[in-house]
PDB file of N, CA and C in Angstrom:
ATOM      1  N   UNK A   1      10.686-209.664-149.523  1.00  0.00           N
ATOM      2  CA  UNK A   1      10.467-209.177-148.114  1.00  0.00           C
ATOM      3  C   UNK A   1       9.152-208.393-148.026  1.00  0.00           C
ATOM      4  N   UNK A   2       8.320-208.775-147.098  1.00  0.00           N
ATOM      5  CA  UNK A   2       7.068-208.116-147.039  1.00  0.00           C
ATOM      6  C   UNK A   2       6.984-206.650-146.544  1.00  0.00           C
ATOM      7  N   UNK A   3       7.903-206.278-145.755  1.00  0.00           N
ATOM      8  CA  UNK A   3       7.840-204.985-145.180  1.00  0.00           C
ATOM      9  C   UNK A   3       9.023-204.115-145.522  1.00  0.00           C
ATOM     10  N   UNK A   4       9.384-203.806-146.753  1.00  0.00           N
ATOM     11  CA  UNK A   4      10.608-203.192-146.980  1.00  0.00           C
ATOM     12  C   UNK A   4      10.529-201.617-146.647  1.00  0.00           C
ATOM     13  N   UNK A   5       9.324-201.103-146.649  1.00  0.00           N
ATOM     14  CA  UNK A   5       9.181-199.744-146.247  1.00  0.00           C
ATOM     15  C   UNK A   5       9.300-199.496-144.851  1.00  0.00           C
ATOM     16  N   UNK A   6       8.838-200.542-144.039  1.00  0.00           N
ATOM     17  CA  UNK A   6       8.952-200.423-142.544  1.00  0.00           C
ATOM     18  C   UNK A   6      10.439-200.618-142.085  1.00  0.00           C
ATOM     19  N   UNK A   7      11.069-201.554-142.719  1.00  0.00           N
ATOM     20  CA  UNK A   7      12.502-201.739-142.325  1.00  0.00           C
ATOM     21  C   UNK A   7      13.289-200.539-142.686  1.00  0.00           C
ATOM     22  N   UNK A   8      12.977-199.939-143.840  1.00  0.00           N
ATOM     23  CA  UNK A   8      13.666-198.738-144.281  1.00  0.00           C
ATOM     24  C   UNK A   8      13.464-197.597-143.296  1.00  0.00           C
ATOM     25  N   UNK A   9      12.225-197.358-142.884  1.00  0.00           N
ATOM     26  CA  UNK A   9      11.905-196.296-141.941  1.00  0.00           C
ATOM     27  C   UNK A   9      12.693-196.530-140.645  1.00  0.00           C
ATOM     28  N   UNK A  10      12.732-197.731-140.153  1.00  0.00           N
ATOM     29  CA  UNK A  10      13.427-198.105-138.869  1.00  0.00           C
ATOM     30  C   UNK A  10      14.920-197.829-139.081  1.00  0.00           C
ATOM     31  N   UNK A  11      15.469-198.239-140.230  1.00  0.00           N
ATOM     32  CA  UNK A  11      16.857-197.939-140.525  1.00  0.00           C
ATOM     33  C   UNK A  11      17.228-196.484-140.518  1.00  0.00           C
ATOM     34  N   UNK A  12      16.335-195.746-141.084  1.00  0.00           N
ATOM     35  CA  UNK A  12      16.516-194.238-141.142  1.00  0.00           C
ATOM     36  C   UNK A  12      16.417-193.661-139.804  1.00  0.00           C
ATOM     37  N   UNK A  13      15.523-194.103-139.020  1.00  0.00           N
ATOM     38  CA  UNK A  13      15.333-193.599-137.674  1.00  0.00           C
ATOM     39  C   UNK A  13      16.550-193.750-136.763  1.00  0.00           C
ATOM     40  N   UNK A  14      17.195-195.044-136.865  1.00  0.00           N
ATOM     41  CA  UNK A  14      18.307-195.330-136.028  1.00  0.00           C
ATOM     42  C   UNK A  14      19.681-194.964-136.777  1.00  0.00           C
ATOM     43  N   UNK A  15      19.548-194.629-138.014  1.00  0.00           N
ATOM     44  CA  UNK A  15      20.761-194.366-138.896  1.00  0.00           C
ATOM     45  C   UNK A  15      21.660-195.477-138.954  1.00  0.00           C
ATOM     46  N   UNK A  16      21.131-196.670-139.204  1.00  0.00           N
ATOM     47  CA  UNK A  16      21.845-197.845-139.332  1.00  0.00           C
ATOM     48  C   UNK A  16      21.155-198.832-140.208  1.00  0.00           C
ATOM     49  N   UNK A  17      21.802-199.797-140.851  1.00  0.00           N
ATOM     50  CA  UNK A  17      21.131-200.757-141.668  1.00  0.00           C
ATOM     51  C   UNK A  17      20.200-201.542-140.786  1.00  0.00           C
ATOM     52  N   UNK A  18      18.962-201.875-141.269  1.00  0.00           N
ATOM     53  CA  UNK A  18      18.000-202.577-140.454  1.00  0.00           C
ATOM     54  C   UNK A  18      18.461-204.020-140.029  1.00  0.00           C
ATOM     55  N   UNK A  19      19.118-204.690-140.933  1.00  0.00           N
ATOM     56  CA  UNK A  19      19.599-206.035-140.513  1.00  0.00           C
ATOM     57  C   UNK A  19      20.756-205.935-139.517  1.00  0.00           C
ATOM     58  N   UNK A  20      21.570-204.989-139.566  1.00  0.00           N
ATOM     59  CA  UNK A  20      22.630-204.925-138.568  1.00  0.00           C
ATOM     60  C   UNK A  20      22.030-204.473-137.206  1.00  0.00           C
ATOM     61  N   UNK A  21      21.062-203.668-137.201  1.00  0.00           N
ATOM     62  CA  UNK A  21      20.367-203.269-135.984  1.00  0.00           C
ATOM     63  C   UNK A  21      19.659-204.404-135.303  1.00  0.00           C
ATOM     64  N   UNK A  22      18.963-205.317-136.163  1.00  0.00           N
ATOM     65  CA  UNK A  22      18.336-206.430-135.643  1.00  0.00           C
ATOM     66  C   UNK A  22      19.276-207.422-135.054  1.00  0.00           C
ATOM     67  N   UNK A  23      20.335-207.677-135.758  1.00  0.00           N
ATOM     68  CA  UNK A  23      21.408-208.685-135.232  1.00  0.00           C
ATOM     69  C   UNK A  23      22.004-208.191-133.974  1.00  0.00           C
ATOM     70  N   UNK A  24      22.249-206.817-133.850  1.00  0.00           N
ATOM     71  CA  UNK A  24      22.821-206.297-132.666  1.00  0.00           C
ATOM     72  C   UNK A  24      21.851-206.482-131.440  1.00  0.00           C
ATOM     73  N   UNK A  25      20.576-206.199-131.657  1.00  0.00           N
ATOM     74  CA  UNK A  25      19.671-206.241-130.638  1.00  0.00           C
ATOM     75  C   UNK A  25      19.400-207.812-130.159  1.00  0.00           C
ATOM     76  N   UNK A  26      19.492-208.585-131.236  1.00  0.00           N
ATOM     77  CA  UNK A  26      19.171-210.074-130.874  1.00  0.00           C
ATOM     78  C   UNK A  26      20.392-210.764-130.305  1.00  0.00           C
ATOM     79  N   UNK A  27      21.570-210.527-130.709  1.00  0.00           N
ATOM     80  CA  UNK A  27      22.709-211.224-130.267  1.00  0.00           C
ATOM     81  C   UNK A  27      23.416-210.579-129.121  1.00  0.00           C
ATOM     82  N   UNK A  28      23.656-209.307-129.103  1.00  0.00           N
ATOM     83  CA  UNK A  28      24.345-208.628-128.112  1.00  0.00           C
ATOM     84  C   UNK A  28      23.450-208.291-126.949  1.00  0.00           C
ATOM     85  N   UNK A  29      22.203-207.663-127.248  1.00  0.00           N
ATOM     86  CA  UNK A  29      21.394-207.250-126.141  1.00  0.00           C
ATOM     87  C   UNK A  29      20.450-208.419-125.706  1.00  0.00           C
ATOM     88  N   UNK A  30      20.466-209.517-126.344  1.00  0.00           N
ATOM     89  CA  UNK A  30      19.678-210.704-126.003  1.00  0.00           C
ATOM     90  C   UNK A  30      18.196-210.460-125.955  1.00  0.00           C
ATOM     91  N   UNK A  31      17.717-209.770-126.963  1.00  0.00           N
ATOM     92  CA  UNK A  31      16.254-209.478-127.004  1.00  0.00           C
ATOM     93  C   UNK A  31      15.613-210.531-127.907  1.00  0.00           C
ATOM     94  N   UNK A  32      14.339-210.871-127.669  1.00  0.00           N
ATOM     95  CA  UNK A  32      13.645-211.760-128.593  1.00  0.00           C
ATOM     96  C   UNK A  32      12.999-210.942-129.765  1.00  0.00           C
ATOM     97  N   UNK A  33      12.553-211.636-130.762  1.00  0.00           N
ATOM     98  CA  UNK A  33      12.008-210.880-131.938  1.00  0.00           C
ATOM     99  C   UNK A  33      10.729-210.056-131.476  1.00  0.00           C
ATOM    100  N   UNK A  34       9.957-210.574-130.537  1.00  0.00           N
ATOM    101  CA  UNK A  34       8.847-209.804-130.077  1.00  0.00           C
ATOM    102  C   UNK A  34       9.262-208.486-129.480  1.00  0.00           C
ATOM    103  N   UNK A  35      10.335-208.632-128.526  1.00  0.00           N
ATOM    104  CA  UNK A  35      10.800-207.447-127.808  1.00  0.00           C
ATOM    105  C   UNK A  35      11.433-206.485-128.723  1.00  0.00           C
ATOM    106  N   UNK A  36      12.097-206.947-129.816  1.00  0.00           N
ATOM    107  CA  UNK A  36      12.662-206.044-130.840  1.00  0.00           C
ATOM    108  C   UNK A  36      11.520-205.265-131.539  1.00  0.00           C
ATOM    109  N   UNK A  37      10.425-205.917-131.886  1.00  0.00           N
ATOM    110  CA  UNK A  37       9.350-205.347-132.547  1.00  0.00           C
ATOM    111  C   UNK A  37       8.685-204.303-131.663  1.00  0.00           C
ATOM    112  N   UNK A  38       8.594-204.618-130.357  1.00  0.00           N
ATOM    113  CA  UNK A  38       7.995-203.663-129.433  1.00  0.00           C
ATOM    114  C   UNK A  38       8.906-202.405-129.248  1.00  0.00           C
ATOM    115  N   UNK A  39      10.196-202.664-129.230  1.00  0.00           N
ATOM    116  CA  UNK A  39      11.165-201.570-129.156  1.00  0.00           C
ATOM    117  C   UNK A  39      11.106-200.660-130.323  1.00  0.00           C
ATOM    118  N   UNK A  40      10.943-201.208-131.530  1.00  0.00           N
ATOM    119  CA  UNK A  40      10.782-200.358-132.777  1.00  0.00           C
ATOM    120  C   UNK A  40       9.457-199.525-132.717  1.00  0.00           C
ATOM    121  N   UNK A  41       8.438-200.166-132.297  1.00  0.00           N
ATOM    122  CA  UNK A  41       7.089-199.485-132.115  1.00  0.00           C
ATOM    123  C   UNK A  41       7.202-198.365-131.206  1.00  0.00           C
ATOM    124  N   UNK A  42       7.796-198.634-130.023  1.00  0.00           N
ATOM    125  CA  UNK A  42       7.843-197.622-128.957  1.00  0.00           C
ATOM    126  C   UNK A  42       8.776-196.445-129.317  1.00  0.00           C
ATOM    127  N   UNK A  43       9.906-196.697-129.989  1.00  0.00           N
ATOM    128  CA  UNK A  43      10.857-195.628-130.273  1.00  0.00           C
ATOM    129  C   UNK A  43      10.657-195.015-131.582  1.00  0.00           C
ATOM    130  N   UNK A  44      10.597-195.884-132.671  1.00  0.00           N
ATOM    131  CA  UNK A  44      10.528-195.405-134.042  1.00  0.00           C
ATOM    132  C   UNK A  44       9.152-195.257-134.511  1.00  0.00           C
ATOM    133  N   UNK A  45       8.108-195.655-133.788  1.00  0.00           N
ATOM    134  CA  UNK A  45       6.717-195.621-134.145  1.00  0.00           C
ATOM    135  C   UNK A  45       6.423-196.389-135.469  1.00  0.00           C
ATOM    136  N   UNK A  46       7.194-197.461-135.691  1.00  0.00           N
ATOM    137  CA  UNK A  46       7.050-198.382-136.806  1.00  0.00           C
ATOM    138  C   UNK A  46       6.983-199.756-136.281  1.00  0.00           C
ATOM    139  N   UNK A  47       6.075-200.601-136.807  1.00  0.00           N
ATOM    140  CA  UNK A  47       6.034-201.837-136.267  1.00  0.00           C
ATOM    141  C   UNK A  47       6.213-203.061-137.287  1.00  0.00           C
ATOM    142  N   UNK A  48       7.398-203.474-137.531  1.00  0.00           N
ATOM    143  CA  UNK A  48       7.483-204.677-138.380  1.00  0.00           C
ATOM    144  C   UNK A  48       7.143-205.857-137.480  1.00  0.00           C
ATOM    145  N   UNK A  49       6.640-206.920-138.078  1.00  0.00           N
ATOM    146  CA  UNK A  49       6.079-207.955-137.292  1.00  0.00           C
ATOM    147  C   UNK A  49       7.234-208.782-136.723  1.00  0.00           C
ATOM    148  N   UNK A  50       7.040-209.456-135.519  1.00  0.00           N
ATOM    149  CA  UNK A  50       8.044-210.261-134.975  1.00  0.00           C
ATOM    150  C   UNK A  50       8.496-211.410-135.910  1.00  0.00           C
ATOM    151  N   UNK A  51       7.469-211.975-136.614  1.00  0.00           N
ATOM    152  CA  UNK A  51       7.781-213.013-137.558  1.00  0.00           C
ATOM    153  C   UNK A  51       8.750-212.514-138.571  1.00  0.00           C
ATOM    154  N   UNK A  52       8.615-211.369-139.193  1.00  0.00           N
ATOM    155  CA  UNK A  52       9.474-210.759-140.170  1.00  0.00           C
ATOM    156  C   UNK A  52      10.932-210.580-139.553  1.00  0.00           C
ATOM    157  N   UNK A  53      11.028-210.116-138.376  1.00  0.00           N
ATOM    158  CA  UNK A  53      12.269-210.004-137.673  1.00  0.00           C
ATOM    159  C   UNK A  53      12.931-211.332-137.503  1.00  0.00           C
ATOM    160  N   UNK A  54      12.193-212.385-137.105  1.00  0.00           N
ATOM    161  CA  UNK A  54      12.670-213.662-136.855  1.00  0.00           C
ATOM    162  C   UNK A  54      13.171-214.254-138.189  1.00  0.00           C
ATOM    163  N   UNK A  55      12.408-213.929-139.286  1.00  0.00           N
ATOM    164  CA  UNK A  55      12.888-214.511-140.583  1.00  0.00           C
ATOM    165  C   UNK A  55      14.224-213.963-141.047  1.00  0.00           C
ATOM    166  N   UNK A  56      14.445-212.613-140.694  1.00  0.00           N
ATOM    167  CA  UNK A  56      15.754-211.994-141.005  1.00  0.00           C
ATOM    168  C   UNK A  56      16.875-212.732-140.245  1.00  0.00           C
ATOM    169  N   UNK A  57      16.569-212.926-139.030  1.00  0.00           N
ATOM    170  CA  UNK A  57      17.558-213.641-138.108  1.00  0.00           C
ATOM    171  C   UNK A  57      17.928-214.922-138.595  1.00  0.00           C
ATOM    172  N   UNK A  58      16.935-215.719-139.037  1.00  0.00           N
ATOM    173  CA  UNK A  58      17.126-217.081-139.557  1.00  0.00           C
ATOM    174  C   UNK A  58      17.905-217.023-140.894  1.00  0.00           C
ATOM    175  N   UNK A  59      17.596-216.042-141.799  1.00  0.00           N
ATOM    176  CA  UNK A  59      18.277-215.915-143.062  1.00  0.00           C
ATOM    177  C   UNK A  59      19.743-215.629-142.889  1.00  0.00           C
ATOM    178  N   UNK A  60      20.069-214.844-141.866  1.00  0.00           N
ATOM    179  CA  UNK A  60      21.440-214.474-141.587  1.00  0.00           C
ATOM    180  C   UNK A  60      22.133-215.592-140.737  1.00  0.00           C
ATOM    181  N   UNK A  61      21.448-216.537-140.304  1.00  0.00           N
ATOM    182  CA  UNK A  61      22.089-217.712-139.584  1.00  0.00           C
ATOM    183  C   UNK A  61      22.493-217.322-138.198  1.00  0.00           C
ATOM    184  N   UNK A  62      21.744-216.485-137.545  1.00  0.00           N
ATOM    185  CA  UNK A  62      22.011-216.104-136.189  1.00  0.00           C
ATOM    186  C   UNK A  62      21.078-216.478-135.102  1.00  0.00           C
ATOM    187  N   UNK A  63      20.194-217.470-135.456  1.00  0.00           N
ATOM    188  CA  UNK A  63      19.173-217.913-134.532  1.00  0.00           C
ATOM    189  C   UNK A  63      19.846-218.714-133.423  1.00  0.00           C
ATOM    190  N   UNK A  64      19.142-218.766-132.239  1.00  0.00           N
ATOM    191  CA  UNK A  64      19.658-219.538-131.051  1.00  0.00           C
ATOM    192  C   UNK A  64      19.276-220.863-131.107  1.00  0.00           C
ATOM    193  N   UNK A  65      20.067-221.709-130.478  1.00  0.00           N
ATOM    194  CA  UNK A  65      19.585-223.053-130.332  1.00  0.00           C
ATOM    195  C   UNK A  65      18.658-223.244-129.220  1.00  0.00           C
ATOM    196  N   UNK A  66      17.977-224.385-129.069  1.00  0.00           N
ATOM    197  CA  UNK A  66      16.937-224.509-128.165  1.00  0.00           C
ATOM    198  C   UNK A  66      17.406-224.262-126.729  1.00  0.00           C
ATOM    199  N   UNK A  67      18.561-224.825-126.408  1.00  0.00           N
ATOM    200  CA  UNK A  67      19.021-224.757-125.018  1.00  0.00           C
ATOM    201  C   UNK A  67      19.286-223.205-124.677  1.00  0.00           C
ATOM    202  N   UNK A  68      19.949-222.497-125.518  1.00  0.00           N
ATOM    203  CA  UNK A  68      20.212-221.142-125.289  1.00  0.00           C
ATOM    204  C   UNK A  68      18.888-220.287-125.141  1.00  0.00           C
ATOM    205  N   UNK A  69      17.961-220.624-125.984  1.00  0.00           N
ATOM    206  CA  UNK A  69      16.772-219.801-125.992  1.00  0.00           C
ATOM    207  C   UNK A  69      15.964-220.160-124.714  1.00  0.00           C
ATOM    208  N   UNK A  70      15.920-221.415-124.320  1.00  0.00           N
ATOM    209  CA  UNK A  70      15.258-221.766-123.011  1.00  0.00           C
ATOM    210  C   UNK A  70      15.947-221.172-121.806  1.00  0.00           C
ATOM    211  N   UNK A  71      17.140-221.176-121.796  1.00  0.00           N
ATOM    212  CA  UNK A  71      17.932-220.580-120.616  1.00  0.00           C
ATOM    213  C   UNK A  71      17.623-219.038-120.584  1.00  0.00           C
ATOM    214  N   UNK A  72      17.618-218.472-121.662  1.00  0.00           N
ATOM    215  CA  UNK A  72      17.384-217.028-121.732  1.00  0.00           C
ATOM    216  C   UNK A  72      15.871-216.679-121.286  1.00  0.00           C
ATOM    217  N   UNK A  73      14.982-217.566-121.762  1.00  0.00           N
ATOM    218  CA  UNK A  73      13.555-217.346-121.314  1.00  0.00           C
ATOM    219  C   UNK A  73      13.407-217.495-119.859  1.00  0.00           C
ATOM    220  N   UNK A  74      14.069-218.452-119.277  1.00  0.00           N
ATOM    221  CA  UNK A  74      13.956-218.637-117.802  1.00  0.00           C
ATOM    222  C   UNK A  74      14.616-217.409-117.114  1.00  0.00           C
ATOM    223  N   UNK A  75      15.687-216.849-117.578  1.00  0.00           N
ATOM    224  CA  UNK A  75      16.336-215.705-116.910  1.00  0.00           C
ATOM    225  C   UNK A  75      15.456-214.534-117.025  1.00  0.00           C
ATOM    226  N   UNK A  76      14.814-214.373-118.139  1.00  0.00           N
ATOM    227  CA  UNK A  76      13.930-213.154-118.269  1.00  0.00           C
ATOM    228  C   UNK A  76      12.550-213.342-117.659  1.00  0.00           C
ATOM    229  N   UNK A  77      12.267-214.503-117.190  1.00  0.00           N
ATOM    230  CA  UNK A  77      10.936-214.846-116.502  1.00  0.00           C
ATOM    231  C   UNK A  77       9.833-215.140-117.466  1.00  0.00           C
ATOM    232  N   UNK A  78      10.088-215.386-118.685  1.00  0.00           N
ATOM    233  CA  UNK A  78       9.047-215.768-119.653  1.00  0.00           C
ATOM    234  C   UNK A  78       8.694-217.240-119.504  1.00  0.00           C
ATOM    235  N   UNK A  79       9.610-218.084-118.941  1.00  0.00           N
ATOM    236  CA  UNK A  79       9.299-219.469-118.722  1.00  0.00           C
ATOM    237  C   UNK A  79       9.591-219.775-117.312  1.00  0.00           C
ATOM    238  N   UNK A  80       8.972-220.875-116.791  1.00  0.00           N
ATOM    239  CA  UNK A  80       9.266-221.358-115.434  1.00  0.00           C
ATOM    240  C   UNK A  80       9.872-222.692-115.453  1.00  0.00           C
ATOM    241  N   UNK A  81      10.832-222.893-114.687  1.00  0.00           N
ATOM    242  CA  UNK A  81      11.511-224.241-114.574  1.00  0.00           C
ATOM    243  C   UNK A  81      10.739-225.107-113.599  1.00  0.00           C
ATOM    244  N   UNK A  82       9.789-224.679-112.826  1.00  0.00           N
ATOM    245  CA  UNK A  82       9.178-225.320-111.779  1.00  0.00           C
ATOM    246  C   UNK A  82       8.416-226.587-112.343  1.00  0.00           C
ATOM    247  N   UNK A  83       7.766-226.456-113.367  1.00  0.00           N
ATOM    248  CA  UNK A  83       6.983-227.608-114.015  1.00  0.00           C
ATOM    249  C   UNK A  83       7.880-228.750-114.453  1.00  0.00           C
ATOM    250  N   UNK A  84       9.160-228.495-114.753  1.00  0.00           N
ATOM    251  CA  UNK A  84      10.015-229.512-115.162  1.00  0.00           C
ATOM    252  C   UNK A  84      10.802-230.249-114.065  1.00  0.00           C
ATOM    253  N   UNK A  85      10.695-229.721-112.878  1.00  0.00           N
ATOM    254  CA  UNK A  85      11.391-230.360-111.802  1.00  0.00           C
ATOM    255  C   UNK A  85      10.555-231.534-111.315  1.00  0.00           C
ATOM    256  N   UNK A  86      11.317-232.542-110.819  1.00  0.00           N
ATOM    257  CA  UNK A  86      10.703-233.835-110.303  1.00  0.00           C
ATOM    258  C   UNK A  86      10.044-233.528-108.938  1.00  0.00           C
ATOM    259  N   UNK A  87       8.991-234.058-108.724  1.00  0.00           N
ATOM    260  CA  UNK A  87       8.247-233.873-107.380  1.00  0.00           C
ATOM    261  C   UNK A  87       9.191-234.542-106.330  1.00  0.00           C
ATOM    262  N   UNK A  88       8.990-234.047-105.087  1.00  0.00           N
ATOM    263  CA  UNK A  88       9.668-234.625-103.984  1.00  0.00           C
ATOM    264  C   UNK A  88       9.383-236.065-103.814  1.00  0.00           C
ATOM    265  N   UNK A  89       8.234-236.437-103.994  1.00  0.00           N
ATOM    266  CA  UNK A  89       7.850-237.817-103.850  1.00  0.00           C
ATOM    267  C   UNK A  89       8.678-238.799-104.619  1.00  0.00           C
ATOM    268  N   UNK A  90       9.042-238.501-105.889  1.00  0.00           N
ATOM    269  CA  UNK A  90       9.796-239.418-106.782  1.00  0.00           C
ATOM    270  C   UNK A  90      11.247-239.601-106.092  1.00  0.00           C
ATOM    271  N   UNK A  91      11.761-238.572-105.473  1.00  0.00           N
ATOM    272  CA  UNK A  91      13.118-238.756-104.924  1.00  0.00           C
ATOM    273  C   UNK A  91      13.076-239.670-103.646  1.00  0.00           C
ATOM    274  N   UNK A  92      11.903-239.613-102.902  1.00  0.00           N
ATOM    275  CA  UNK A  92      11.811-240.425-101.698  1.00  0.00           C
ATOM    276  C   UNK A  92      11.610-241.870-102.113  1.00  0.00           C
ATOM    277  N   UNK A  93      10.881-242.109-103.143  1.00  0.00           N
ATOM    278  CA  UNK A  93      10.602-243.439-103.613  1.00  0.00           C
ATOM    279  C   UNK A  93      11.867-244.215-103.972  1.00  0.00           C
ATOM    280  N   UNK A  94      12.830-243.527-104.499  1.00  0.00           N
ATOM    281  CA  UNK A  94      14.066-244.103-105.046  1.00  0.00           C
ATOM    282  C   UNK A  94      15.259-244.260-103.942  1.00  0.00           C
ATOM    283  N   UNK A  95      14.877-244.017-102.796  1.00  0.00           N
ATOM    284  CA  UNK A  95      15.893-244.045-101.658  1.00  0.00           C
ATOM    285  C   UNK A  95      16.296-245.570-101.459  1.00  0.00           C
ATOM    286  N   UNK A  96      15.308-246.464-101.663  1.00  0.00           N
ATOM    287  CA  UNK A  96      15.623-247.876-101.362  1.00  0.00           C
ATOM    288  C   UNK A  96      15.402-248.218 -99.984  1.00  0.00           C
ATOM    289  N   UNK A  97      15.800-249.406 -99.562  1.00  0.00           N
ATOM    290  CA  UNK A  97      15.589-249.859 -98.199  1.00  0.00           C
ATOM    291  C   UNK A  97      16.854-249.796 -97.388  1.00  0.00           C
ATOM    292  N   UNK A  98      16.828-249.530 -96.149  1.00  0.00           N
ATOM    293  CA  UNK A  98      17.998-249.434 -95.305  1.00  0.00           C
ATOM    294  C   UNK A  98      18.503-250.883 -94.981  1.00  0.00           C
ATOM    295  N   UNK A  99      19.738-250.870 -94.506  1.00  0.00           N
ATOM    296  CA  UNK A  99      20.423-252.211 -94.223  1.00  0.00           C
ATOM    297  C   UNK A  99      19.760-253.067 -93.193  1.00  0.00           C
ATOM    298  N   UNK A 100      19.097-252.426 -92.207  1.00  0.00           N
ATOM    299  CA  UNK A 100      18.458-253.191 -91.148  1.00  0.00           C
ATOM    300  C   UNK A 100      17.235-253.963 -91.711  1.00  0.00           C
ATOM    301  N   UNK A 101      16.485-253.270 -92.563  1.00  0.00           N
ATOM    302  CA  UNK A 101      15.325-254.025 -93.195  1.00  0.00           C
ATOM    303  C   UNK A 101      15.824-255.139 -94.188  1.00  0.00           C
ATOM    304  N   UNK A 102      16.926-254.840 -94.823  1.00  0.00           N
ATOM    305  CA  UNK A 102      17.392-255.810 -95.846  1.00  0.00           C
ATOM    306  C   UNK A 102      17.866-257.086 -95.203  1.00  0.00           C
ATOM    307  N   UNK A 103      18.578-256.807 -94.028  1.00  0.00           N
ATOM    308  CA  UNK A 103      19.161-258.028 -93.318  1.00  0.00           C
ATOM    309  C   UNK A 103      17.943-258.898 -92.699  1.00  0.00           C
TER     310      UNK A 103
END
C-alpha cells in the first residue's frame, strides 16, 4: 500500500479503521472516491489519493456496477442524461403514415 502513514493518520483522526471508514462512506453515504478524499483533506487535513481509496474499495469487493454508478452520478449532477436522449425528430419519423394516405 503506497500511503500507509496517511491511512493511519485518517484512522486515528476518526478513531476507526481506515478500511471500515472508507466502506461506510462509499456504501452507506454513497460518496465517490474523489469525494471521500476531499472529505479527508477538509476534516483530517490528510489527503490519500482517490485512486488509493478506489483500490481499497475494489480489493474489498465493494465497488459499484456501471448502472448503479451512472444512476448515482446523474442524481448528484455529475452527469447529464440529456445527451443520451433521442432527439424529437427521431420519434416523429417513426410515426408512420396515417390510414387515409395508406388507402
